[in-house]
Amino acid sequence: MPQLIPEPWFAIFIMSWTAYLLILMPKVNNLKSLNKPVFAESFKNKPQPWNWPWT
């Protein structure tokens, strides 16, 4: 049974996780947004008065 022989798949498993941690993780971390999110409540818009044309 192949599950009892760790040599072929264990080396592939370790090498793939090493590549993931050393190569892909820094690339993924560089894609993170550097700006903090701005919520709508932080901007207070002043309401504009309505212009009633019939008055």
N, C-alpha and C. Protein backbone atom coordinates (compact mmCIF):
# COMPACT_ATOMS: atom_id res chain seq x y z
N MET A 1 0.84 -1.19 0.00
CA MET A 1 0.00 0.00 0.00
C MET A 1 0.88 1.25 0.00
N PRO A 2 0.57 2.25 -0.80
CA PRO A 2 1.43 3.44 -0.89
C PRO A 2 1.41 4.28 0.37
N GLN A 3 0.39 4.16 1.22
CA GLN A 3 0.35 4.95 2.43
C GLN A 3 1.43 4.53 3.42
N LEU A 4 1.91 3.30 3.31
CA LEU A 4 2.90 2.80 4.24
C LEU A 4 4.32 3.15 3.82
N ILE A 5 4.51 3.64 2.61
CA ILE A 5 5.84 4.02 2.13
C ILE A 5 5.89 5.55 2.08
N PRO A 6 6.52 6.20 3.07
CA PRO A 6 6.47 7.66 3.11
C PRO A 6 7.47 8.36 2.19
N GLU A 7 8.42 7.65 1.60
CA GLU A 7 9.46 8.32 0.84
C GLU A 7 8.94 9.10 -0.37
N PRO A 8 8.10 8.55 -1.23
CA PRO A 8 7.76 9.33 -2.43
C PRO A 8 6.86 10.54 -2.14
N TRP A 9 5.86 10.42 -1.32
CA TRP A 9 4.92 11.52 -1.15
C TRP A 9 5.32 12.47 -0.05
N PHE A 10 6.10 12.02 0.93
CA PHE A 10 6.48 12.91 2.01
C PHE A 10 7.45 13.99 1.54
N ALA A 11 8.37 13.62 0.66
CA ALA A 11 9.31 14.61 0.10
C ALA A 11 8.57 15.64 -0.76
N ILE A 12 7.61 15.18 -1.54
CA ILE A 12 6.83 16.10 -2.36
C ILE A 12 6.00 17.02 -1.46
N PHE A 13 5.45 16.49 -0.40
CA PHE A 13 4.67 17.28 0.54
C PHE A 13 5.52 18.36 1.20
N ILE A 14 6.69 18.01 1.66
CA ILE A 14 7.59 18.98 2.31
C ILE A 14 8.07 20.03 1.32
N MET A 15 8.41 19.61 0.10
CA MET A 15 8.91 20.57 -0.88
C MET A 15 7.80 21.52 -1.34
N SER A 16 6.59 21.02 -1.46
CA SER A 16 5.51 21.90 -1.88
C SER A 16 5.17 22.92 -0.79
N TRP A 17 5.17 22.52 0.47
CA TRP A 17 4.91 23.47 1.56
C TRP A 17 6.06 24.46 1.70
N THR A 18 7.27 24.02 1.46
CA THR A 18 8.41 24.95 1.50
C THR A 18 8.28 25.99 0.40
N ALA A 19 7.92 25.55 -0.79
CA ALA A 19 7.74 26.50 -1.88
C ALA A 19 6.59 27.44 -1.58
N TYR A 20 5.54 26.93 -1.00
CA TYR A 20 4.39 27.77 -0.64
C TYR A 20 4.79 28.83 0.38
N LEU A 21 5.52 28.43 1.41
CA LEU A 21 5.87 29.37 2.47
C LEU A 21 6.94 30.36 2.05
N LEU A 22 7.87 29.95 1.22
CA LEU A 22 8.98 30.83 0.86
C LEU A 22 8.72 31.68 -0.39
N ILE A 23 7.91 31.19 -1.30
CA ILE A 23 7.72 31.89 -2.56
C ILE A 23 6.34 32.54 -2.65
N LEU A 24 5.31 31.79 -2.38
CA LEU A 24 3.97 32.29 -2.60
C LEU A 24 3.45 33.19 -1.49
N MET A 25 3.80 32.92 -0.25
CA MET A 25 3.28 33.74 0.85
C MET A 25 3.72 35.20 0.76
N PRO A 26 4.98 35.53 0.47
CA PRO A 26 5.33 36.95 0.31
C PRO A 26 4.59 37.62 -0.84
N LYS A 27 4.35 36.87 -1.93
CA LYS A 27 3.61 37.46 -3.05
C LYS A 27 2.16 37.73 -2.67
N VAL A 28 1.57 36.84 -1.91
CA VAL A 28 0.19 37.04 -1.47
C VAL A 28 0.12 38.19 -0.48
N ASN A 29 1.09 38.30 0.40
CA ASN A 29 1.09 39.38 1.38
C ASN A 29 1.30 40.74 0.73
N ASN A 30 1.97 40.80 -0.41
CA ASN A 30 2.15 42.07 -1.10
C ASN A 30 0.86 42.56 -1.75
N LEU A 31 -0.10 41.67 -1.93
CA LEU A 31 -1.37 42.07 -2.55
C LEU A 31 -2.33 42.67 -1.55
N LYS A 32 -2.00 42.65 -0.29
CA LYS A 32 -2.87 43.22 0.72
C LYS A 32 -2.95 44.73 0.54
N SER A 33 -4.08 45.29 0.87
CA SER A 33 -4.28 46.72 0.75
C SER A 33 -3.51 47.44 1.85
N LEU A 34 -2.77 48.46 1.48
CA LEU A 34 -2.00 49.21 2.47
C LEU A 34 -2.83 50.31 3.10
N ASN A 35 -3.91 50.72 2.45
CA ASN A 35 -4.75 51.78 2.98
C ASN A 35 -5.82 51.18 3.88
N LYS A 36 -6.07 51.86 4.98
CA LYS A 36 -7.13 51.40 5.87
C LYS A 36 -8.47 51.76 5.26
N PRO A 37 -9.48 50.92 5.47
CA PRO A 37 -10.79 51.23 4.89
C PRO A 37 -11.41 52.47 5.52
N VAL A 38 -12.09 53.25 4.70
CA VAL A 38 -12.76 54.46 5.16
C VAL A 38 -14.25 54.17 5.16
N PHE A 39 -14.86 54.34 6.31
CA PHE A 39 -16.28 54.05 6.44
C PHE A 39 -17.11 55.27 6.07
N ALA A 40 -18.33 55.04 5.69
CA ALA A 40 -19.21 56.14 5.25
C ALA A 40 -19.53 57.08 6.39
N GLU A 41 -19.53 56.61 7.63
CA GLU A 41 -19.85 57.47 8.76
C GLU A 41 -18.77 58.50 9.03
N SER A 42 -17.57 58.30 8.50
CA SER A 42 -16.48 59.23 8.79
C SER A 42 -16.66 60.55 8.04
N PHE A 43 -17.40 60.56 6.94
CA PHE A 43 -17.64 61.78 6.19
C PHE A 43 -19.06 62.25 6.48
N LYS A 44 -19.18 63.46 6.99
CA LYS A 44 -20.50 64.04 7.26
C LYS A 44 -20.84 65.01 6.14
N ASN A 45 -21.75 64.61 5.31
CA ASN A 45 -22.17 65.48 4.21
C ASN A 45 -23.27 66.41 4.72
N LYS A 46 -23.12 67.68 4.40
CA LYS A 46 -24.14 68.64 4.79
C LYS A 46 -25.29 68.55 3.78
N PRO A 47 -26.51 68.48 4.25
CA PRO A 47 -27.63 68.41 3.30
C PRO A 47 -27.80 69.73 2.57
N GLN A 48 -28.07 69.66 1.30
CA GLN A 48 -28.29 70.84 0.48
C GLN A 48 -29.77 71.24 0.57
N PRO A 49 -30.06 72.53 0.69
CA PRO A 49 -31.47 72.94 0.72
C PRO A 49 -32.12 72.73 -0.64
N TRP A 50 -33.38 72.38 -0.59
CA TRP A 50 -34.12 72.15 -1.82
C TRP A 50 -34.52 73.48 -2.44
N ASN A 51 -34.49 73.50 -3.74
CA ASN A 51 -34.92 74.68 -4.48
C ASN A 51 -36.32 74.39 -5.00
N TRP A 52 -37.36 75.07 -4.43
CA TRP A 52 -38.73 74.86 -4.84
C TRP A 52 -39.07 75.86 -5.93
N PRO A 53 -39.25 75.43 -7.16
CA PRO A 53 -39.49 76.39 -8.25
C PRO A 53 -40.88 77.03 -8.18
N TRP A 54 -41.86 76.48 -7.52
CA TRP A 54 -43.22 77.05 -7.50
C TRP A 54 -43.46 78.02 -6.35
N THR A 55 -42.46 78.26 -5.50
CA THR A 55 -42.67 79.20 -4.40
C THR A 55 -42.10 80.55 -4.70
